[in-house]
Structures are given as structure tokens and as C-alpha cells.
């Protein structure tokens, strides 16, 4: 009986060691964007090459950025994008431009000599900014600078900065992400219209 008790105690200890450790920290939430892009007014017989995006250092992260007055950088706790922001936006913009049917092809790689346009994109703003007057709301700012090059020896065709804002956004992560999605949709719509007009 004595040995049976020791045996049961040993089995219990081993079972406890094999159980997964539990954390009291909240689970990290992953948020996705789904910008809306309309069909272009016309289909251009051109291939658009969009290399990887660049971003300001403060945005080169998978974390969702916040700015607190006067100039404090912060992030939404336990929340992130599915990938680093420049890579994630690159995939979304490529997909959106392709779905617009505005070009013969849209590619993240140079398609030999057939590539007739090169679109460079830099993310300058993609954050929620807290209200300076202490109100429980934020302003969402999405800013992207686009540079359009053409020709075998690249010539500058157009450079434009696009910015969209969503104001009076509730300080809830879901509301902030929804407002970012709307602002990104507006920037992409304006970019598409300008690309069509420039060519």
C-alpha cells in the first residue's frame, strides 16, 4: 500500500509536468484590412510593376501604431497586422490594382522587357492619433507617396502624395481598424484614378 501511494504520487507529478503551461496574458489579436477598389474606367494595355513598399521607420512593424500628443509613439496592446505593415500593404495594393482591371497586368516582379511602368510606393502615415483636447476619440491618418516611372531608362512621369483622414473615431481597436480600412480604400481609389489619367 505504501508503494502504491508513492507510485500514484509519481504519476501525478509526471502528468503535471506534461500539461501545457497557461499564461495570464491576454491573447494577441490579428486584424485584417479589406480595402474596396472599384473597376477602372478603362483597361490600359500596360504592365504595372510594383516593387516592395517602403515605410518610415516608425511604421516598419506588424504592430498597430498610435500617436499620443504631443509626439509620443505607441502601439495598440495585444493587437497586430498579419505581417509587417509594408509587406502587408504591398500585398493589398497589388491585389486591389489587379482587381481594378485597369491594366493588362499588375506584378510585384519585373516581367522582362514588357514592363512599361514602375510604381514606387512609400507609406508615410498609417496610424491613429489621439485627440489633443483629451476627448475619447482618435483621428486616423493614412498617407502614401507614389512615384510613377516609365521607359527602359526610368523617367519620372508623376509623383503624388495621397492622404486620407477619418475623424472622431471611437477609441476601440475594431473602430480604429475599420477607419484605417476606409482611409486606405480612399487612398487606393485616388491613386487608381491618377494612374489612369497620367497615361
C-alpha atoms as a PDB file:
ATOM      1  CA  UNK A   1       0.000   0.000   0.000  1.00  0.00           C
ATOM      2  CA  UNK A   2       2.889   2.310   0.804  1.00  0.00           C
ATOM      3  CA  UNK A   3       4.466   1.685  -2.594  1.00  0.00           C
ATOM      4  CA  UNK A   4       1.139   2.158  -4.357  1.00  0.00           C
ATOM      5  CA  UNK A   5       0.789   5.615  -2.825  1.00  0.00           C
ATOM      6  CA  UNK A   6       4.333   6.541  -3.935  1.00  0.00           C
ATOM      7  CA  UNK A   7       3.593   5.254  -7.421  1.00  0.00           C
ATOM      8  CA  UNK A   8       0.385   7.280  -7.720  1.00  0.00           C
ATOM      9  CA  UNK A   9       2.189  10.402  -6.464  1.00  0.00           C
ATOM     10  CA  UNK A  10       4.938   9.947  -9.073  1.00  0.00           C
ATOM     11  CA  UNK A  11       2.382   9.513 -11.893  1.00  0.00           C
ATOM     12  CA  UNK A  12       0.586  12.672 -10.743  1.00  0.00           C
ATOM     13  CA  UNK A  13       3.819  14.672 -10.777  1.00  0.00           C
ATOM     14  CA  UNK A  14       4.725  13.462 -14.267  1.00  0.00           C
ATOM     15  CA  UNK A  15       1.242  14.280 -15.560  1.00  0.00           C
ATOM     16  CA  UNK A  16       1.529  17.783 -14.131  1.00  0.00           C
ATOM     17  CA  UNK A  17       4.878  18.306 -15.852  1.00  0.00           C
ATOM     18  CA  UNK A  18       3.475  17.288 -19.225  1.00  0.00           C
ATOM     19  CA  UNK A  19       0.493  19.684 -19.038  1.00  0.00           C
ATOM     20  CA  UNK A  20       0.899  22.851 -21.146  1.00  0.00           C
ATOM     21  CA  UNK A  21       1.781  25.997 -19.259  1.00  0.00           C
ATOM     22  CA  UNK A  22      -1.004  28.587 -19.098  1.00  0.00           C
ATOM     23  CA  UNK A  23      -0.419  32.307 -19.349  1.00  0.00           C
ATOM     24  CA  UNK A  24      -2.425  35.047 -17.700  1.00  0.00           C
ATOM     25  CA  UNK A  25      -1.566  37.408 -20.571  1.00  0.00           C
ATOM     26  CA  UNK A  26      -4.416  38.208 -22.996  1.00  0.00           C
ATOM     27  CA  UNK A  27      -4.255  36.576 -26.421  1.00  0.00           C
ATOM     28  CA  UNK A  28      -2.828  38.699 -29.216  1.00  0.00           C
ATOM     29  CA  UNK A  29      -5.445  39.688 -31.792  1.00  0.00           C
ATOM     30  CA  UNK A  30      -4.625  39.782 -35.505  1.00  0.00           C
ATOM     31  CA  UNK A  31      -6.525  42.368 -37.557  1.00  0.00           C
ATOM     32  CA  UNK A  32      -7.021  42.350 -41.319  1.00  0.00           C
ATOM     33  CA  UNK A  33      -7.881  45.004 -43.865  1.00  0.00           C
ATOM     34  CA  UNK A  34     -10.114  44.630 -46.929  1.00  0.00           C
ATOM     35  CA  UNK A  35      -9.952  47.884 -48.912  1.00  0.00           C
ATOM     36  CA  UNK A  36     -12.637  48.386 -51.560  1.00  0.00           C
ATOM     37  CA  UNK A  37     -11.407  49.161 -55.084  1.00  0.00           C
ATOM     38  CA  UNK A  38     -13.800  49.924 -57.941  1.00  0.00           C
ATOM     39  CA  UNK A  39     -13.373  48.715 -61.511  1.00  0.00           C
ATOM     40  CA  UNK A  40     -11.296  51.203 -63.523  1.00  0.00           C
ATOM     41  CA  UNK A  41     -12.911  53.369 -66.188  1.00  0.00           C
ATOM     42  CA  UNK A  42     -10.705  51.729 -68.846  1.00  0.00           C
ATOM     43  CA  UNK A  43      -8.195  48.917 -69.232  1.00  0.00           C
ATOM     44  CA  UNK A  44      -4.754  50.182 -70.224  1.00  0.00           C
ATOM     45  CA  UNK A  45      -2.607  47.866 -72.404  1.00  0.00           C
ATOM     46  CA  UNK A  46       0.288  48.257 -69.985  1.00  0.00           C
ATOM     47  CA  UNK A  47       2.031  46.175 -67.360  1.00  0.00           C
ATOM     48  CA  UNK A  48       2.403  47.824 -63.954  1.00  0.00           C
ATOM     49  CA  UNK A  49       5.395  46.747 -61.862  1.00  0.00           C
ATOM     50  CA  UNK A  50       5.032  47.493 -58.140  1.00  0.00           C
ATOM     51  CA  UNK A  51       8.173  46.603 -56.145  1.00  0.00           C
ATOM     52  CA  UNK A  52       8.014  46.148 -52.350  1.00  0.00           C
ATOM     53  CA  UNK A  53       6.795  49.189 -50.430  1.00  0.00           C
ATOM     54  CA  UNK A  54       8.979  51.180 -48.101  1.00  0.00           C
ATOM     55  CA  UNK A  55       7.820  52.888 -44.917  1.00  0.00           C
ATOM     56  CA  UNK A  56       9.032  55.365 -42.356  1.00  0.00           C
ATOM     57  CA  UNK A  57      10.889  53.542 -39.545  1.00  0.00           C
ATOM     58  CA  UNK A  58       8.063  54.088 -37.038  1.00  0.00           C
ATOM     59  CA  UNK A  59       5.681  52.126 -39.291  1.00  0.00           C
ATOM     60  CA  UNK A  60       8.024  49.295 -40.241  1.00  0.00           C
ATOM     61  CA  UNK A  61       6.348  46.887 -37.826  1.00  0.00           C
ATOM     62  CA  UNK A  62       3.426  44.473 -37.537  1.00  0.00           C
ATOM     63  CA  UNK A  63       2.090  46.448 -34.567  1.00  0.00           C
ATOM     64  CA  UNK A  64      -0.787  48.926 -34.972  1.00  0.00           C
ATOM     65  CA  UNK A  65       0.600  52.408 -34.454  1.00  0.00           C
ATOM     66  CA  UNK A  66      -0.756  55.126 -32.170  1.00  0.00           C
ATOM     67  CA  UNK A  67       0.401  58.709 -31.732  1.00  0.00           C
ATOM     68  CA  UNK A  68      -0.275  60.444 -28.430  1.00  0.00           C
ATOM     69  CA  UNK A  69       0.145  64.222 -28.062  1.00  0.00           C
ATOM     70  CA  UNK A  70       2.437  65.944 -28.310  1.00  0.00           C
ATOM     71  CA  UNK A  71       4.727  63.422 -30.083  1.00  0.00           C
ATOM     72  CA  UNK A  72       4.687  60.063 -28.308  1.00  0.00           C
ATOM     73  CA  UNK A  73       4.788  56.887 -30.411  1.00  0.00           C
ATOM     74  CA  UNK A  74       2.801  53.958 -29.025  1.00  0.00           C
ATOM     75  CA  UNK A  75       1.033  50.801 -30.207  1.00  0.00           C
ATOM     76  CA  UNK A  76      -2.320  49.140 -29.549  1.00  0.00           C
ATOM     77  CA  UNK A  77      -1.704  46.482 -26.913  1.00  0.00           C
ATOM     78  CA  UNK A  78      -2.059  42.811 -27.917  1.00  0.00           C
ATOM     79  CA  UNK A  79      -3.028  43.729 -31.487  1.00  0.00           C
ATOM     80  CA  UNK A  80      -1.155  43.448 -34.771  1.00  0.00           C
ATOM     81  CA  UNK A  81      -1.383  43.090 -38.550  1.00  0.00           C
ATOM     82  CA  UNK A  82      -0.879  39.671 -40.190  1.00  0.00           C
ATOM     83  CA  UNK A  83       2.588  40.782 -41.390  1.00  0.00           C
ATOM     84  CA  UNK A  84       4.963  43.727 -41.209  1.00  0.00           C
ATOM     85  CA  UNK A  85       2.951  46.741 -42.391  1.00  0.00           C
ATOM     86  CA  UNK A  86       4.955  47.483 -45.615  1.00  0.00           C
ATOM     87  CA  UNK A  87       4.711  43.836 -46.755  1.00  0.00           C
ATOM     88  CA  UNK A  88       1.033  43.616 -45.820  1.00  0.00           C
ATOM     89  CA  UNK A  89       0.077  46.837 -47.628  1.00  0.00           C
ATOM     90  CA  UNK A  90       2.117  45.784 -50.655  1.00  0.00           C
ATOM     91  CA  UNK A  91       0.033  42.607 -50.990  1.00  0.00           C
ATOM     92  CA  UNK A  92      -3.245  44.520 -50.508  1.00  0.00           C
ATOM     93  CA  UNK A  93      -2.373  47.214 -53.053  1.00  0.00           C
ATOM     94  CA  UNK A  94      -1.183  44.669 -55.637  1.00  0.00           C
ATOM     95  CA  UNK A  95      -4.418  42.741 -55.240  1.00  0.00           C
ATOM     96  CA  UNK A  96      -6.540  45.895 -55.387  1.00  0.00           C
ATOM     97  CA  UNK A  97      -4.861  47.236 -58.531  1.00  0.00           C
ATOM     98  CA  UNK A  98      -5.197  43.839 -60.208  1.00  0.00           C
ATOM     99  CA  UNK A  99      -8.902  43.619 -59.280  1.00  0.00           C
ATOM    100  CA  UNK A 100      -9.495  47.075 -60.714  1.00  0.00           C
ATOM    101  CA  UNK A 101      -8.858  45.662 -64.210  1.00  0.00           C
ATOM    102  CA  UNK A 102      -7.146  48.932 -65.084  1.00  0.00           C
ATOM    103  CA  UNK A 103      -4.011  47.337 -66.514  1.00  0.00           C
ATOM    104  CA  UNK A 104      -3.017  44.445 -68.719  1.00  0.00           C
ATOM    105  CA  UNK A 105      -1.107  43.024 -65.743  1.00  0.00           C
ATOM    106  CA  UNK A 106      -0.009  44.058 -62.257  1.00  0.00           C
ATOM    107  CA  UNK A 107       3.093  42.363 -60.877  1.00  0.00           C
ATOM    108  CA  UNK A 108       5.457  42.525 -57.932  1.00  0.00           C
ATOM    109  CA  UNK A 109       8.266  41.303 -60.203  1.00  0.00           C
ATOM    110  CA  UNK A 110       9.665  42.818 -63.341  1.00  0.00           C
ATOM    111  CA  UNK A 111       8.243  40.921 -66.322  1.00  0.00           C
ATOM    112  CA  UNK A 112      11.237  41.150 -68.651  1.00  0.00           C
ATOM    113  CA  UNK A 113      11.154  43.935 -71.210  1.00  0.00           C
ATOM    114  CA  UNK A 114       7.357  44.025 -71.240  1.00  0.00           C
ATOM    115  CA  UNK A 115       7.154  46.065 -68.050  1.00  0.00           C
ATOM    116  CA  UNK A 116       6.264  49.546 -69.193  1.00  0.00           C
ATOM    117  CA  UNK A 117       5.504  51.245 -65.860  1.00  0.00           C
ATOM    118  CA  UNK A 118       7.110  51.141 -62.433  1.00  0.00           C
ATOM    119  CA  UNK A 119       5.190  52.356 -59.387  1.00  0.00           C
ATOM    120  CA  UNK A 120       7.200  53.121 -56.245  1.00  0.00           C
ATOM    121  CA  UNK A 121       5.172  53.475 -53.039  1.00  0.00           C
ATOM    122  CA  UNK A 122       6.248  54.784 -49.640  1.00  0.00           C
ATOM    123  CA  UNK A 123       4.000  54.676 -46.569  1.00  0.00           C
ATOM    124  CA  UNK A 124       4.372  57.887 -44.597  1.00  0.00           C
ATOM    125  CA  UNK A 125       1.341  57.593 -42.302  1.00  0.00           C
ATOM    126  CA  UNK A 126      -0.728  54.677 -41.094  1.00  0.00           C
ATOM    127  CA  UNK A 127      -1.722  55.413 -37.530  1.00  0.00           C
ATOM    128  CA  UNK A 128      -4.363  56.511 -35.068  1.00  0.00           C
ATOM    129  CA  UNK A 129      -3.723  59.906 -33.489  1.00  0.00           C
ATOM    130  CA  UNK A 130      -5.246  60.606 -30.095  1.00  0.00           C
ATOM    131  CA  UNK A 131      -7.159  63.817 -29.669  1.00  0.00           C
ATOM    132  CA  UNK A 132      -5.024  66.608 -28.203  1.00  0.00           C
ATOM    133  CA  UNK A 133      -8.001  68.009 -26.263  1.00  0.00           C
ATOM    134  CA  UNK A 134      -8.456  64.832 -24.243  1.00  0.00           C
ATOM    135  CA  UNK A 135     -11.638  63.620 -25.947  1.00  0.00           C
ATOM    136  CA  UNK A 136     -12.171  59.863 -26.131  1.00  0.00           C
ATOM    137  CA  UNK A 137     -11.660  59.736 -29.879  1.00  0.00           C
ATOM    138  CA  UNK A 138      -8.927  59.475 -32.473  1.00  0.00           C
ATOM    139  CA  UNK A 139      -8.109  60.660 -35.981  1.00  0.00           C
ATOM    140  CA  UNK A 140      -6.945  58.023 -38.440  1.00  0.00           C
ATOM    141  CA  UNK A 141      -4.311  59.100 -40.962  1.00  0.00           C
ATOM    142  CA  UNK A 142      -3.223  57.061 -43.986  1.00  0.00           C
ATOM    143  CA  UNK A 143      -0.580  58.621 -46.221  1.00  0.00           C
ATOM    144  CA  UNK A 144       1.232  57.082 -49.206  1.00  0.00           C
ATOM    145  CA  UNK A 145       3.629  58.777 -51.649  1.00  0.00           C
ATOM    146  CA  UNK A 146       3.539  57.341 -55.177  1.00  0.00           C
ATOM    147  CA  UNK A 147       6.228  57.773 -57.831  1.00  0.00           C
ATOM    148  CA  UNK A 148       5.431  56.593 -61.354  1.00  0.00           C
ATOM    149  CA  UNK A 149       8.343  55.847 -63.692  1.00  0.00           C
ATOM    150  CA  UNK A 150       8.259  54.877 -67.336  1.00  0.00           C
ATOM    151  CA  UNK A 151      10.682  53.750 -70.036  1.00  0.00           C
ATOM    152  CA  UNK A 152      13.711  51.455 -70.170  1.00  0.00           C
ATOM    153  CA  UNK A 153      15.831  54.187 -68.652  1.00  0.00           C
ATOM    154  CA  UNK A 154      13.342  55.266 -65.984  1.00  0.00           C
ATOM    155  CA  UNK A 155      11.849  58.694 -66.487  1.00  0.00           C
ATOM    156  CA  UNK A 156       9.710  60.362 -63.851  1.00  0.00           C
ATOM    157  CA  UNK A 157       6.143  60.524 -65.122  1.00  0.00           C
ATOM    158  CA  UNK A 158       4.351  61.583 -61.944  1.00  0.00           C
ATOM    159  CA  UNK A 159       4.863  61.907 -58.207  1.00  0.00           C
ATOM    160  CA  UNK A 160       1.961  62.465 -55.845  1.00  0.00           C
ATOM    161  CA  UNK A 161       1.252  62.216 -52.132  1.00  0.00           C
ATOM    162  CA  UNK A 162      -2.104  60.723 -51.157  1.00  0.00           C
ATOM    163  CA  UNK A 163      -3.606  61.209 -47.722  1.00  0.00           C
ATOM    164  CA  UNK A 164      -6.962  60.295 -46.232  1.00  0.00           C
ATOM    165  CA  UNK A 165      -8.282  61.022 -42.742  1.00  0.00           C
ATOM    166  CA  UNK A 166     -11.099  59.602 -40.664  1.00  0.00           C
ATOM    167  CA  UNK A 167     -12.042  61.820 -37.715  1.00  0.00           C
ATOM    168  CA  UNK A 168     -13.996  61.297 -34.484  1.00  0.00           C
ATOM    169  CA  UNK A 169     -13.159  57.576 -34.354  1.00  0.00           C
ATOM    170  CA  UNK A 170     -14.013  55.773 -31.109  1.00  0.00           C
ATOM    171  CA  UNK A 171     -11.042  54.528 -29.103  1.00  0.00           C
ATOM    172  CA  UNK A 172     -11.813  50.862 -29.748  1.00  0.00           C
ATOM    173  CA  UNK A 173      -9.497  48.663 -31.785  1.00  0.00           C
ATOM    174  CA  UNK A 174     -12.296  47.457 -34.069  1.00  0.00           C
ATOM    175  CA  UNK A 175     -13.366  51.033 -34.818  1.00  0.00           C
ATOM    176  CA  UNK A 176      -9.783  52.140 -35.435  1.00  0.00           C
ATOM    177  CA  UNK A 177      -9.109  49.264 -37.861  1.00  0.00           C
ATOM    178  CA  UNK A 178     -12.393  49.901 -39.709  1.00  0.00           C
ATOM    179  CA  UNK A 179     -11.465  53.584 -40.105  1.00  0.00           C
ATOM    180  CA  UNK A 180      -7.986  52.621 -41.366  1.00  0.00           C
ATOM    181  CA  UNK A 181      -9.615  50.313 -43.901  1.00  0.00           C
ATOM    182  CA  UNK A 182     -11.851  53.159 -45.146  1.00  0.00           C
ATOM    183  CA  UNK A 183      -8.934  55.607 -45.374  1.00  0.00           C
ATOM    184  CA  UNK A 184      -6.826  53.065 -47.275  1.00  0.00           C
ATOM    185  CA  UNK A 185      -9.735  52.495 -49.698  1.00  0.00           C
ATOM    186  CA  UNK A 186      -9.875  56.248 -50.372  1.00  0.00           C
ATOM    187  CA  UNK A 187      -6.126  56.472 -50.991  1.00  0.00           C
ATOM    188  CA  UNK A 188      -6.186  53.495 -53.374  1.00  0.00           C
ATOM    189  CA  UNK A 189      -9.174  54.922 -55.266  1.00  0.00           C
ATOM    190  CA  UNK A 190      -7.414  58.262 -55.762  1.00  0.00           C
ATOM    191  CA  UNK A 191      -4.196  56.506 -56.794  1.00  0.00           C
ATOM    192  CA  UNK A 192      -6.019  54.427 -59.420  1.00  0.00           C
ATOM    193  CA  UNK A 193      -7.794  57.476 -60.885  1.00  0.00           C
ATOM    194  CA  UNK A 194      -4.479  59.374 -61.166  1.00  0.00           C
ATOM    195  CA  UNK A 195      -2.704  56.412 -62.775  1.00  0.00           C
ATOM    196  CA  UNK A 196      -5.439  56.222 -65.392  1.00  0.00           C
ATOM    197  CA  UNK A 197      -5.278  59.961 -66.069  1.00  0.00           C
ATOM    198  CA  UNK A 198      -1.481  60.034 -66.296  1.00  0.00           C
ATOM    199  CA  UNK A 199      -1.377  57.560 -69.176  1.00  0.00           C
END
